[in-house]
Amino acid sequence: MASLHVGDFNEDGLDDVLVVSKTGYQIAFLAGTGTGTLAEPVIQPSGLLSPYQPFDFDVADLDGDHHLDVLIPYLKDESGAT
């Protein structure tokens, strides 16, 4: 399972897609091409390792620098605590 958000993450004026895998501990960035398609994904680790599992994510300008930031809350699988 995964969650996704659409936004202009690379600030080129085109919509991009950011996907966080809930089971693979990865973040995938797919740049918009301007032709209605997406470029091949660039995949990075989320920085979380088992037993921590991302359960959703959000994007916003958290620090006021006019760039989108990614916030990934997580669950600890063993206890369900956040």
N, C-alpha and C. Protein backbone atom coordinates (compact mmCIF):
# COMPACT_ATOMS: atom_id res chain seq x y z
N MET A 1 0.84 -1.17 0.00
CA MET A 1 0.00 0.00 0.00
C MET A 1 0.89 1.24 0.00
N ALA A 2 0.31 2.33 -0.50
CA ALA A 2 1.08 3.57 -0.59
C ALA A 2 0.13 4.76 -0.51
N SER A 3 0.71 5.91 -0.20
CA SER A 3 0.00 7.18 -0.23
C SER A 3 0.69 8.07 -1.24
N LEU A 4 -0.07 8.96 -1.88
CA LEU A 4 0.56 9.85 -2.86
C LEU A 4 0.00 11.25 -2.74
N HIS A 5 0.83 12.20 -3.19
CA HIS A 5 0.45 13.61 -3.27
C HIS A 5 0.93 14.14 -4.60
N VAL A 6 0.16 15.07 -5.12
CA VAL A 6 0.51 15.76 -6.37
C VAL A 6 0.86 17.20 -6.03
N GLY A 7 1.94 17.70 -6.58
CA GLY A 7 2.37 19.08 -6.36
C GLY A 7 3.57 19.38 -7.23
N ASP A 8 3.98 20.61 -7.24
CA ASP A 8 5.16 21.01 -8.01
C ASP A 8 6.38 20.92 -7.11
N PHE A 9 6.85 19.70 -6.88
CA PHE A 9 7.92 19.45 -5.91
C PHE A 9 9.29 19.93 -6.39
N ASN A 10 9.52 19.92 -7.69
CA ASN A 10 10.82 20.38 -8.19
C ASN A 10 10.76 21.81 -8.74
N GLU A 11 9.63 22.48 -8.52
CA GLU A 11 9.45 23.90 -8.83
C GLU A 11 9.73 24.26 -10.28
N ASP A 12 9.27 23.38 -11.20
CA ASP A 12 9.41 23.67 -12.63
C ASP A 12 8.09 24.10 -13.27
N GLY A 13 7.05 24.30 -12.45
CA GLY A 13 5.76 24.72 -12.97
C GLY A 13 4.86 23.58 -13.41
N LEU A 14 5.32 22.34 -13.27
CA LEU A 14 4.54 21.16 -13.67
C LEU A 14 4.18 20.32 -12.44
N ASP A 15 3.02 19.67 -12.50
CA ASP A 15 2.63 18.79 -11.41
C ASP A 15 3.50 17.53 -11.40
N ASP A 16 3.97 17.17 -10.22
CA ASP A 16 4.76 15.96 -10.00
C ASP A 16 3.99 15.08 -9.03
N VAL A 17 4.44 13.85 -8.86
CA VAL A 17 3.82 12.92 -7.93
C VAL A 17 4.87 12.42 -6.95
N LEU A 18 4.51 12.41 -5.68
CA LEU A 18 5.36 11.86 -4.62
C LEU A 18 4.58 10.72 -3.97
N VAL A 19 5.21 9.55 -3.87
CA VAL A 19 4.56 8.36 -3.34
C VAL A 19 5.39 7.82 -2.18
N VAL A 20 4.73 7.51 -1.06
CA VAL A 20 5.41 6.88 0.07
C VAL A 20 4.84 5.48 0.22
N SER A 21 5.71 4.49 0.15
CA SER A 21 5.32 3.10 0.34
C SER A 21 5.12 2.84 1.82
N LYS A 22 3.99 2.24 2.17
CA LYS A 22 3.72 1.93 3.58
C LYS A 22 4.38 0.64 4.02
N THR A 23 4.85 -0.16 3.08
CA THR A 23 5.47 -1.44 3.44
C THR A 23 6.91 -1.55 2.96
N GLY A 24 7.30 -0.76 1.96
CA GLY A 24 8.64 -0.88 1.41
C GLY A 24 9.63 0.13 1.93
N TYR A 25 9.16 1.04 2.82
CA TYR A 25 10.04 2.04 3.43
C TYR A 25 10.76 2.88 2.39
N GLN A 26 10.03 3.25 1.31
CA GLN A 26 10.63 4.03 0.24
C GLN A 26 9.74 5.21 -0.13
N ILE A 27 10.39 6.24 -0.70
CA ILE A 27 9.70 7.40 -1.27
C ILE A 27 10.06 7.42 -2.75
N ALA A 28 9.03 7.57 -3.60
CA ALA A 28 9.26 7.65 -5.05
C ALA A 28 8.82 9.03 -5.54
N PHE A 29 9.67 9.67 -6.32
CA PHE A 29 9.38 10.96 -6.94
C PHE A 29 9.23 10.73 -8.43
N LEU A 30 8.10 11.17 -9.00
CA LEU A 30 7.86 11.06 -10.43
C LEU A 30 7.60 12.46 -10.96
N ALA A 31 8.53 12.97 -11.73
CA ALA A 31 8.44 14.33 -12.26
C ALA A 31 7.43 14.39 -13.40
N GLY A 32 6.62 15.44 -13.40
CA GLY A 32 5.72 15.68 -14.53
C GLY A 32 6.52 16.10 -15.74
N THR A 33 6.10 15.63 -16.93
CA THR A 33 6.83 15.94 -18.15
C THR A 33 6.22 17.08 -18.95
N GLY A 34 5.00 17.48 -18.58
CA GLY A 34 4.32 18.51 -19.34
C GLY A 34 3.53 17.98 -20.52
N THR A 35 3.59 16.65 -20.73
CA THR A 35 2.85 16.02 -21.83
C THR A 35 1.74 15.12 -21.32
N GLY A 36 1.44 15.20 -20.02
CA GLY A 36 0.42 14.33 -19.45
C GLY A 36 0.96 13.01 -18.95
N THR A 37 2.27 12.87 -18.98
CA THR A 37 2.91 11.65 -18.48
C THR A 37 3.89 12.01 -17.37
N LEU A 38 4.42 10.98 -16.73
CA LEU A 38 5.40 11.16 -15.67
C LEU A 38 6.71 10.51 -16.07
N ALA A 39 7.80 11.08 -15.60
CA ALA A 39 9.13 10.50 -15.83
C ALA A 39 9.29 9.24 -14.99
N GLU A 40 10.31 8.48 -15.26
CA GLU A 40 10.63 7.29 -14.46
C GLU A 40 10.82 7.70 -13.01
N PRO A 41 10.39 6.87 -12.07
CA PRO A 41 10.51 7.25 -10.65
C PRO A 41 11.95 7.29 -10.17
N VAL A 42 12.21 8.24 -9.29
CA VAL A 42 13.46 8.30 -8.54
C VAL A 42 13.10 7.81 -7.15
N ILE A 43 13.70 6.71 -6.72
CA ILE A 43 13.31 6.06 -5.47
C ILE A 43 14.41 6.25 -4.42
N GLN A 44 13.99 6.67 -3.23
CA GLN A 44 14.89 6.88 -2.10
C GLN A 44 14.33 6.17 -0.88
N PRO A 45 15.18 5.74 0.04
CA PRO A 45 14.66 5.19 1.30
C PRO A 45 13.98 6.29 2.11
N SER A 46 12.95 5.92 2.87
CA SER A 46 12.22 6.91 3.66
C SER A 46 12.97 7.33 4.92
N GLY A 47 13.99 6.57 5.29
CA GLY A 47 14.72 6.86 6.53
C GLY A 47 14.14 6.10 7.71
N LEU A 48 13.02 5.42 7.50
CA LEU A 48 12.42 4.61 8.55
C LEU A 48 12.76 3.15 8.32
N LEU A 49 13.06 2.46 9.37
CA LEU A 49 13.35 1.03 9.29
C LEU A 49 12.42 0.28 10.23
N SER A 50 12.22 -0.99 9.97
CA SER A 50 11.38 -1.82 10.82
C SER A 50 11.88 -1.71 12.26
N PRO A 51 11.02 -1.60 13.26
CA PRO A 51 9.58 -1.83 13.28
C PRO A 51 8.75 -0.58 13.01
N TYR A 52 9.35 0.52 12.55
CA TYR A 52 8.60 1.74 12.29
C TYR A 52 8.04 1.71 10.88
N GLN A 53 6.77 2.05 10.75
CA GLN A 53 6.10 1.97 9.46
C GLN A 53 5.39 3.29 9.15
N PRO A 54 5.71 3.91 8.00
CA PRO A 54 4.98 5.13 7.63
C PRO A 54 3.52 4.78 7.36
N PHE A 55 2.58 5.61 7.86
CA PHE A 55 1.18 5.28 7.61
C PHE A 55 0.49 6.32 6.74
N ASP A 56 1.12 7.38 6.44
CA ASP A 56 0.59 8.41 5.56
C ASP A 56 1.67 9.47 5.44
N PHE A 57 1.42 10.51 4.67
CA PHE A 57 2.35 11.64 4.66
C PHE A 57 1.61 12.86 4.17
N ASP A 58 2.19 14.01 4.39
CA ASP A 58 1.61 15.25 3.94
C ASP A 58 2.72 16.15 3.44
N VAL A 59 2.34 17.11 2.63
CA VAL A 59 3.31 18.08 2.13
C VAL A 59 2.78 19.48 2.42
N ALA A 60 3.67 20.35 2.82
CA ALA A 60 3.34 21.74 3.11
C ALA A 60 4.64 22.51 3.24
N ASP A 61 4.56 23.82 3.20
CA ASP A 61 5.73 24.67 3.46
C ASP A 61 5.80 24.87 4.97
N LEU A 62 6.44 23.94 5.65
CA LEU A 62 6.48 23.93 7.12
C LEU A 62 7.36 25.02 7.71
N ASP A 63 8.42 25.40 7.00
CA ASP A 63 9.37 26.36 7.57
C ASP A 63 9.31 27.74 6.92
N GLY A 64 8.31 28.00 6.08
CA GLY A 64 8.12 29.32 5.51
C GLY A 64 9.13 29.74 4.46
N ASP A 65 9.84 28.77 3.85
CA ASP A 65 10.85 29.13 2.84
C ASP A 65 10.33 29.06 1.41
N HIS A 66 9.03 28.86 1.26
CA HIS A 66 8.36 28.79 -0.05
C HIS A 66 8.73 27.55 -0.84
N HIS A 67 9.20 26.51 -0.17
CA HIS A 67 9.48 25.21 -0.79
C HIS A 67 8.66 24.17 -0.04
N LEU A 68 8.10 23.19 -0.77
CA LEU A 68 7.32 22.14 -0.13
C LEU A 68 8.21 21.22 0.70
N ASP A 69 7.76 20.91 1.90
CA ASP A 69 8.44 19.97 2.79
C ASP A 69 7.57 18.73 2.91
N VAL A 70 8.18 17.61 3.24
CA VAL A 70 7.46 16.34 3.38
C VAL A 70 7.47 15.93 4.85
N LEU A 71 6.31 15.64 5.38
CA LEU A 71 6.14 15.18 6.76
C LEU A 71 5.63 13.74 6.71
N ILE A 72 6.38 12.81 7.33
CA ILE A 72 5.99 11.40 7.32
C ILE A 72 5.79 10.93 8.77
N PRO A 73 4.54 10.88 9.22
CA PRO A 73 4.29 10.29 10.54
C PRO A 73 4.43 8.77 10.44
N TYR A 74 4.66 8.12 11.56
CA TYR A 74 4.88 6.67 11.51
C TYR A 74 4.25 5.99 12.71
N LEU A 75 4.04 4.70 12.55
CA LEU A 75 3.59 3.82 13.63
C LEU A 75 4.72 2.87 13.98
N LYS A 76 4.83 2.54 15.22
CA LYS A 76 5.74 1.48 15.62
C LYS A 76 4.91 0.20 15.65
N ASP A 77 5.25 -0.73 14.76
CA ASP A 77 4.45 -1.92 14.55
C ASP A 77 4.14 -2.70 15.81
N GLU A 78 5.07 -2.80 16.72
CA GLU A 78 4.90 -3.65 17.90
C GLU A 78 3.83 -3.14 18.87
N SER A 79 3.73 -1.81 19.01
CA SER A 79 2.81 -1.29 20.01
C SER A 79 1.68 -0.45 19.44
N GLY A 80 1.80 -0.02 18.19
CA GLY A 80 0.80 0.86 17.60
C GLY A 80 0.95 2.30 18.02
N ALA A 81 1.99 2.63 18.81
CA ALA A 81 2.21 4.00 19.27
C ALA A 81 2.79 4.84 18.16
N THR A 82 2.51 6.13 18.17
CA THR A 82 3.10 7.02 17.18
C THR A 82 4.21 7.82 17.81
